Protein backbone atom coordinates (compact mmCIF):
# COMPACT_ATOMS: atom_id res chain seq x y z
CA UNK A 1 14.21 -30.22 -68.61
CA UNK A 2 16.60 -28.51 -66.91
CA UNK A 3 15.91 -25.06 -65.42
CA UNK A 4 18.10 -22.10 -66.82
CA UNK A 5 20.14 -20.38 -64.42
CA UNK A 6 19.89 -16.42 -64.36
CA UNK A 7 23.17 -14.94 -63.20
CA UNK A 8 23.09 -11.83 -60.84
CA UNK A 9 24.09 -8.66 -62.80
CA UNK A 10 27.64 -7.34 -62.27
CA UNK A 11 28.29 -4.72 -59.48
CA UNK A 12 31.55 -3.57 -61.17
CA UNK A 13 30.73 0.61 -61.28
CA UNK A 14 30.78 2.01 -64.98
CA UNK A 15 33.49 4.62 -64.01
CA UNK A 16 35.90 5.49 -61.25
CA UNK A 17 38.23 3.18 -59.73
CA UNK A 18 37.84 -0.53 -59.75
CA UNK A 19 39.11 -2.84 -57.53
CA UNK A 20 40.88 -6.01 -58.54
CA UNK A 21 41.85 -7.44 -54.86
CA UNK A 22 43.40 -10.67 -54.36
CA UNK A 23 43.38 -12.20 -50.42
CA UNK A 24 47.09 -11.73 -49.10
CA UNK A 25 48.59 -14.05 -46.81
CA UNK A 26 52.17 -12.57 -46.46
CA UNK A 27 53.80 -9.52 -47.29
CA UNK A 28 51.08 -6.83 -46.50
CA UNK A 29 50.54 -4.26 -43.68
CA UNK A 30 47.11 -2.86 -42.41
CA UNK A 31 47.02 0.41 -42.85
CA UNK A 32 44.28 2.59 -41.25
CA UNK A 33 42.31 5.41 -43.96
CA UNK A 34 42.75 8.02 -41.27
CA UNK A 35 46.33 8.05 -42.98
CA UNK A 36 45.66 7.14 -46.53
CA UNK A 37 42.62 9.28 -47.11
CA UNK A 38 43.89 12.33 -44.88
CA UNK A 39 42.83 15.38 -46.19
CA UNK A 40 45.00 18.16 -44.69
CA UNK A 41 48.57 16.33 -45.73
CA UNK A 42 50.24 16.08 -48.93
CA UNK A 43 50.74 12.87 -51.30
CA UNK A 44 54.26 12.66 -50.00
CA UNK A 45 53.63 12.72 -46.75
CA UNK A 46 50.77 10.12 -46.98
CA UNK A 47 53.35 7.99 -48.72
CA UNK A 48 55.77 8.39 -46.37
CA UNK A 49 53.61 7.47 -43.36
CA UNK A 50 52.57 4.33 -45.32
CA UNK A 51 56.16 3.38 -45.81
CA UNK A 52 56.75 3.82 -41.96
CA UNK A 53 53.94 2.00 -40.65
CA UNK A 54 55.03 -0.99 -43.26
CA UNK A 55 58.62 -1.03 -41.65
CA UNK A 56 59.44 -3.54 -38.97
CA UNK A 57 60.32 -1.98 -35.49
CA UNK A 58 63.79 -0.93 -35.37
CA UNK A 59 64.32 0.18 -38.57
CA UNK A 60 65.82 3.43 -39.12
CA UNK A 61 63.56 6.30 -40.63
CA UNK A 62 66.28 9.40 -40.76
CA UNK A 63 66.10 11.95 -43.25
CA UNK A 64 69.40 10.59 -44.77
CA UNK A 65 68.19 6.72 -44.34
CA UNK A 66 64.89 7.71 -46.41
CA UNK A 67 66.86 9.47 -48.98
CA UNK A 68 69.04 6.89 -49.72
CA UNK A 69 65.81 4.86 -50.76
CA UNK A 70 63.49 7.60 -52.58
CA UNK A 71 64.12 9.96 -55.30
CA UNK A 72 62.88 12.71 -53.20
CA UNK A 73 65.48 15.33 -51.96
CA UNK A 74 65.99 15.49 -48.01
CA UNK A 75 64.36 18.62 -47.77
CA UNK A 76 61.17 17.15 -49.21
CA UNK A 77 61.37 14.11 -46.89
CA UNK A 78 62.06 16.53 -43.94
CA UNK A 79 58.99 18.57 -44.87
CA UNK A 80 57.17 15.34 -45.19
CA UNK A 81 58.08 13.77 -41.68
CA UNK A 82 57.01 17.52 -40.18
CA UNK A 83 53.67 17.14 -41.55
CA UNK A 84 53.40 13.53 -40.48
CA UNK A 85 54.83 14.77 -36.76
CA UNK A 86 52.31 18.05 -36.98
CA UNK A 87 49.01 15.65 -37.50
CA UNK A 88 50.28 13.18 -34.56
CA UNK A 89 51.15 9.99 -36.67
CA UNK A 90 54.74 10.40 -35.61
CA UNK A 91 56.75 11.65 -32.28
CA UNK A 92 60.11 11.42 -32.12
CA UNK A 93 61.71 11.03 -28.16
CA UNK A 94 65.47 11.74 -27.57
CA UNK A 95 66.48 9.59 -24.74
CA UNK A 96 69.64 9.02 -23.29
CA UNK A 97 70.77 5.27 -23.10
CA UNK A 98 73.88 3.16 -21.49
CA UNK A 99 77.20 5.11 -22.25
CA UNK A 100 75.75 8.67 -22.04
CA UNK A 101 74.70 8.38 -25.49
CA UNK A 102 71.80 10.10 -26.79
CA UNK A 103 69.22 8.25 -28.92
CA UNK A 104 66.04 9.30 -30.93
CA UNK A 105 63.12 6.78 -31.05
CA UNK A 106 60.57 7.54 -33.26
CA UNK A 107 57.30 6.25 -32.44
CA UNK A 108 54.17 5.40 -35.18
CA UNK A 109 50.69 5.73 -34.72
CA UNK A 110 48.06 4.56 -36.79
CA UNK A 111 45.31 6.05 -35.03
CA UNK A 112 46.83 9.37 -33.31
CA UNK A 113 43.18 10.38 -31.78
CA UNK A 114 43.05 7.11 -29.61
CA UNK A 115 46.70 7.27 -28.51
CA UNK A 116 45.94 10.82 -27.31
CA UNK A 117 42.84 9.70 -25.57
CA UNK A 118 44.88 6.73 -24.10
CA UNK A 119 47.57 8.97 -22.79
CA UNK A 120 45.16 11.49 -21.57
CA UNK A 121 43.43 8.65 -19.34
CA UNK A 122 46.81 7.35 -18.05
CA UNK A 123 47.89 10.69 -16.96
CA UNK A 124 44.70 11.10 -14.91
CA UNK A 125 44.26 7.57 -13.27
CA UNK A 126 47.79 6.26 -13.08
CA UNK A 127 47.50 1.93 -12.47
CA UNK A 128 48.66 1.08 -9.14
CA UNK A 129 50.80 -1.79 -9.23
CA UNK A 130 50.21 -4.29 -6.18
CA UNK A 131 53.21 -6.23 -4.90
CA UNK A 132 51.98 -9.71 -3.62
CA UNK A 133 53.21 -10.42 0.19
CA UNK A 134 56.42 -12.60 0.27
CA UNK A 135 55.89 -15.74 1.91
CA UNK A 136 57.39 -16.56 5.45
CA UNK A 137 60.17 -18.74 5.37
CA UNK A 138 61.68 -20.32 8.82
CA UNK A 139 65.33 -19.50 9.60
CA UNK A 140 67.47 -22.14 9.29
CA UNK A 141 70.96 -22.00 10.94
CA UNK A 142 73.88 -22.13 8.25
CA UNK A 143 76.05 -24.93 8.10
CA UNK A 144 79.18 -24.63 6.92
CA UNK A 145 80.09 -26.38 3.90
CA UNK A 146 83.43 -26.76 2.54
CA UNK A 147 82.90 -25.42 -0.94
CA UNK A 148 84.18 -22.77 -3.05
CA UNK A 149 82.19 -19.27 -2.94
CA UNK A 150 80.06 -18.49 -5.76
CA UNK A 151 80.70 -15.59 -8.07
CA UNK A 152 78.81 -12.49 -6.77
CA UNK A 153 76.09 -11.71 -9.31
CA UNK A 154 76.35 -8.84 -11.50
CA UNK A 155 74.65 -5.67 -10.33
CA UNK A 156 71.28 -5.19 -12.37
CA UNK A 157 71.60 -2.30 -14.52
CA UNK A 158 68.76 0.31 -14.34
CA UNK A 159 67.41 1.22 -17.59
CA UNK A 160 65.98 4.85 -17.48
CA UNK A 161 62.43 5.15 -18.14
CA UNK A 162 61.82 7.03 -21.69
CA UNK A 163 61.10 10.48 -20.84
CA UNK A 164 58.22 12.33 -22.60
CA UNK A 165 59.21 14.47 -25.45
CA UNK A 166 60.01 17.85 -24.78
CA UNK A 167 56.88 20.18 -25.73
CA UNK A 168 58.08 23.26 -27.78
CA UNK A 169 57.42 26.32 -25.72
CA UNK A 170 56.46 29.28 -28.06
CA UNK A 171 59.06 32.32 -28.06
CA UNK A 172 57.27 34.65 -25.47
CA UNK A 173 56.81 37.99 -27.39
CA UNK A 174 58.50 40.92 -26.41
CA UNK A 175 57.22 42.96 -23.67
CA UNK A 176 55.54 45.93 -25.52
CA UNK A 177 56.83 49.26 -24.03
CA UNK A 178 54.32 51.61 -24.15
CA UNK A 179 55.47 55.25 -24.17
CA UNK A 180 53.82 57.56 -21.46
CA UNK A 181 51.00 59.56 -22.88
CA UNK A 182 52.13 63.57 -22.33
CA UNK A 183 49.55 64.96 -19.81
CA UNK A 184 47.20 67.32 -22.00
CA UNK A 185 48.28 71.01 -22.04
CA UNK A 186 46.33 73.02 -19.33
CA UNK A 187 43.29 75.07 -20.66
CA UNK A 188 44.20 78.52 -20.18
CA UNK A 189 40.79 79.96 -18.73
CA UNK A 190 40.95 83.54 -17.87
CA UNK A 191 39.41 84.14 -14.59
CA UNK A 192 36.07 85.85 -14.20
CA UNK A 193 37.87 88.83 -12.67
CA UNK A 194 40.10 89.37 -15.55
CA UNK A 195 39.74 92.32 -17.60
CA UNK A 196 38.19 91.64 -21.34
CA UNK A 197 40.00 93.02 -24.41
CA UNK A 198 38.37 95.71 -26.02
CA UNK A 199 36.15 94.68 -29.24
CA UNK A 200 37.64 95.34 -32.62
CA UNK A 201 37.01 98.69 -34.00
CA UNK A 202 34.08 99.54 -36.03
CA UNK A 203 35.14 99.78 -39.81
CA UNK A 204 35.30 103.68 -41.19
CA UNK A 205 34.97 104.95 -44.81
CA UNK A 206 38.36 106.12 -46.15
CA UNK A 207 36.70 109.55 -47.88
CA UNK A 208 33.66 110.02 -45.68
CA UNK A 209 30.86 112.57 -47.00
CA UNK A 210 27.38 113.49 -45.73
CA UNK A 211 25.70 111.51 -48.48
CA UNK A 212 27.06 108.71 -47.72
CA UNK A 213 26.33 108.78 -43.75
CA UNK A 214 22.78 109.70 -44.64
CA UNK A 215 22.53 106.72 -46.86
CA UNK A 216 23.83 104.47 -44.09
CA UNK A 217 21.51 105.85 -41.32
CA UNK A 218 18.23 105.25 -43.56
CA UNK A 219 19.61 101.96 -44.15
CA UNK A 220 19.83 101.01 -40.56
CA UNK A 221 16.59 102.79 -39.57
CA UNK A 222 14.77 100.85 -41.88
CA UNK A 223 16.19 97.28 -41.09
CA UNK A 224 13.00 96.92 -38.92
CA UNK A 225 10.71 97.17 -41.82
CA UNK A 226 12.36 93.76 -43.75
CA UNK A 227 13.41 92.24 -40.46
CA UNK A 228 11.24 92.79 -37.26
CA UNK A 229 13.31 91.60 -34.71
CA UNK A 230 16.17 94.23 -35.65
CA UNK A 231 14.65 97.19 -33.59
CA UNK A 232 17.62 99.88 -33.06
CA UNK A 233 17.57 102.50 -31.13
CA UNK A 234 18.62 105.99 -32.28
CA UNK A 235 22.01 106.03 -30.33
CA UNK A 236 22.27 102.47 -31.71
CA UNK A 237 21.81 103.89 -35.45
CA UNK A 238 24.36 106.86 -34.86
CA UNK A 239 27.03 104.48 -33.60
CA UNK A 240 26.69 101.93 -36.38
CA UNK A 241 26.27 104.56 -39.39
CA UNK A 242 30.20 104.65 -39.81
CA UNK A 243 30.37 101.17 -40.18
CA UNK A 244 27.61 100.75 -43.06
CA UNK A 245 29.00 103.71 -44.90
CA UNK A 246 32.19 101.76 -45.09
CA UNK A 247 30.20 98.90 -46.40
CA UNK A 248 28.55 101.36 -49.24
CA UNK A 249 31.92 102.78 -49.79
CA UNK A 250 33.50 99.59 -51.14
CA UNK A 251 30.59 99.27 -53.78
CA UNK A 252 28.23 96.99 -51.84
CA UNK A 253 24.79 97.76 -52.82
CA UNK A 254 22.01 98.66 -49.90
CA UNK A 255 19.83 95.50 -50.47
CA UNK A 256 23.10 93.27 -49.98
CA UNK A 257 24.07 95.25 -46.76
CA UNK A 258 20.63 94.69 -45.47
CA UNK A 259 20.68 90.86 -46.05
CA UNK A 260 24.04 90.55 -44.76
CA UNK A 261 23.05 92.20 -41.23
CA UNK A 262 19.70 90.41 -41.08
CA UNK A 263 20.24 86.88 -42.20
CA UNK A 264 19.63 83.88 -40.15
CA UNK A 265 19.33 85.48 -36.76
CA UNK A 266 19.85 83.47 -33.52
CA UNK A 267 16.72 82.73 -31.65
CA UNK A 268 16.06 84.16 -29.20
CA UNK A 269 17.48 87.59 -30.90
CA UNK A 270 18.01 89.57 -27.57
CA UNK A 271 20.95 92.19 -28.30
CA UNK A 272 20.40 93.13 -32.35
CA UNK A 273 22.50 96.13 -32.24
CA UNK A 274 25.32 93.92 -31.10
CA UNK A 275 24.69 91.45 -33.94
CA UNK A 276 25.00 94.24 -36.22
CA UNK A 277 28.02 95.52 -34.78
CA UNK A 278 29.65 92.02 -34.87
CA UNK A 279 28.62 91.33 -38.58
CA UNK A 280 29.70 94.66 -39.80
CA UNK A 281 33.40 93.85 -38.35
CA UNK A 282 33.55 90.11 -39.25
CA UNK A 283 31.88 90.28 -42.59
CA UNK A 284 33.56 93.43 -44.17
CA UNK A 285 34.02 93.11 -47.83
CA UNK A 286 37.39 94.10 -49.23
CA UNK A 287 37.62 97.50 -50.76
CA UNK A 288 37.07 97.91 -54.75
CA UNK A 289 40.35 98.08 -56.69
CA UNK A 290 40.93 101.50 -57.94
CA UNK A 291 40.40 101.50 -61.71
CA UNK A 292 42.99 102.42 -64.16
CA UNK A 293 42.40 105.61 -65.40
CA UNK A 294 41.94 105.96 -69.33
CA UNK A 295 44.29 108.63 -71.33
CA UNK A 296 41.80 109.59 -73.98
CA UNK A 297 42.99 109.53 -77.71
CA UNK A 298 44.13 113.11 -79.41
CA UNK A 299 44.87 114.38 -82.71
CA UNK A 300 48.25 115.99 -83.16
CA UNK A 301 47.90 119.63 -84.75
CA UNK A 302 50.75 119.28 -86.76
CA UNK A 303 50.77 115.69 -88.32
CA UNK A 304 47.51 114.82 -87.59
CA UNK A 305 48.49 111.55 -85.90
CA UNK A 306 46.70 109.95 -83.21
CA UNK A 307 48.27 109.95 -79.53
CA UNK A 308 46.89 109.38 -76.17
CA UNK A 309 47.11 112.57 -73.85
CA UNK A 310 45.09 114.51 -71.21
CA UNK A 311 45.01 117.34 -73.17
CA UNK A 312 44.87 118.06 -76.82
CA UNK A 313 48.19 119.46 -78.61
CA UNK A 314 51.29 118.06 -80.60
CA UNK A 315 52.51 114.38 -80.40
CA UNK A 316 56.04 113.49 -78.87
CA UNK A 317 57.83 113.50 -82.22
CA UNK A 318 56.31 116.68 -83.34
CA UNK A 319 57.22 118.52 -80.21
CA UNK A 320 60.79 116.96 -80.32
CA UNK A 321 60.96 118.00 -84.04
CA UNK A 322 60.05 121.86 -82.63
CA UNK A 323 61.95 122.27 -79.79
CA UNK A 324 65.27 121.10 -82.24
CA UNK A 325 64.25 123.69 -84.61
CA UNK A 326 64.10 126.39 -81.95
CA UNK A 327 67.04 125.40 -80.12
CA UNK A 328 69.68 125.14 -82.97
CA UNK A 329 70.61 127.04 -86.40
CA UNK A 330 67.87 127.44 -88.49
CA UNK A 331 67.69 124.16 -90.85
CA UNK A 332 64.27 124.29 -92.09
CA UNK A 333 62.60 126.45 -94.69
CA UNK A 334 59.35 128.48 -93.74
């Protein structure tokens, strides 16, 4: 009885790309995944790089030549070539050939990193070429032979070596011109021997009166009751009384004056009289605006109509009638 053959399960993925590969014997090129799967280049640059690596040596790959083959514009092809050159897959070298002409040679790399490492190793340790010694040949005297002289051999043409591609040098930044910093203005500090300016005058009431001065003196003498640090001498009270009287004249209540003079003193307080004088000058409130006088309302003695006047009597219309009656002929009865 024959044994049933069990086939292996299919390895075809259920989703994604499926490769149907046929072994190639001609018409193919080996492309590195470093180019075909590059993540930092555009698809146009990857496709153009693949096309360039599949071309035979010596084929022209200028922008115009490629634009004649592919539908992309010259601007897009030039941008793709710049991408390939930026990532090391292309290198353009301009060299002078025979006849004084300048030609451009393009080198295509399938492994830019390995090519760069090889070029660096060649620069660090260049190979030394050893020329073998020529064998010694004995000199034999020449025998003249009646033959025609051979044509002279053409002089060898020296082919210039490939010069390395010029490395673009970034344009130097313009020098930064720094404006000179002006010297700071000298601080005008008076000398200790210079005379000090006189202190500002103490405020004085506009309409001084004895009751006003007495109230100000009592307020200054009683500061030490609510603020023990503000102990003033009798001379200090007499000198500061006009300033407190000016505050009271401007409508400030005595309690408000006391708080303004003694609130938040410095520690330690060495000169309470000087602090009180400074605050009387610096914190002086503005004067109270004068009240507009109110003219009382009066009743006219003749027509009994209301009018405003500081004294009772007749209104303006009645006064005009009476004045007209007194000056002219008597036109009114009575």
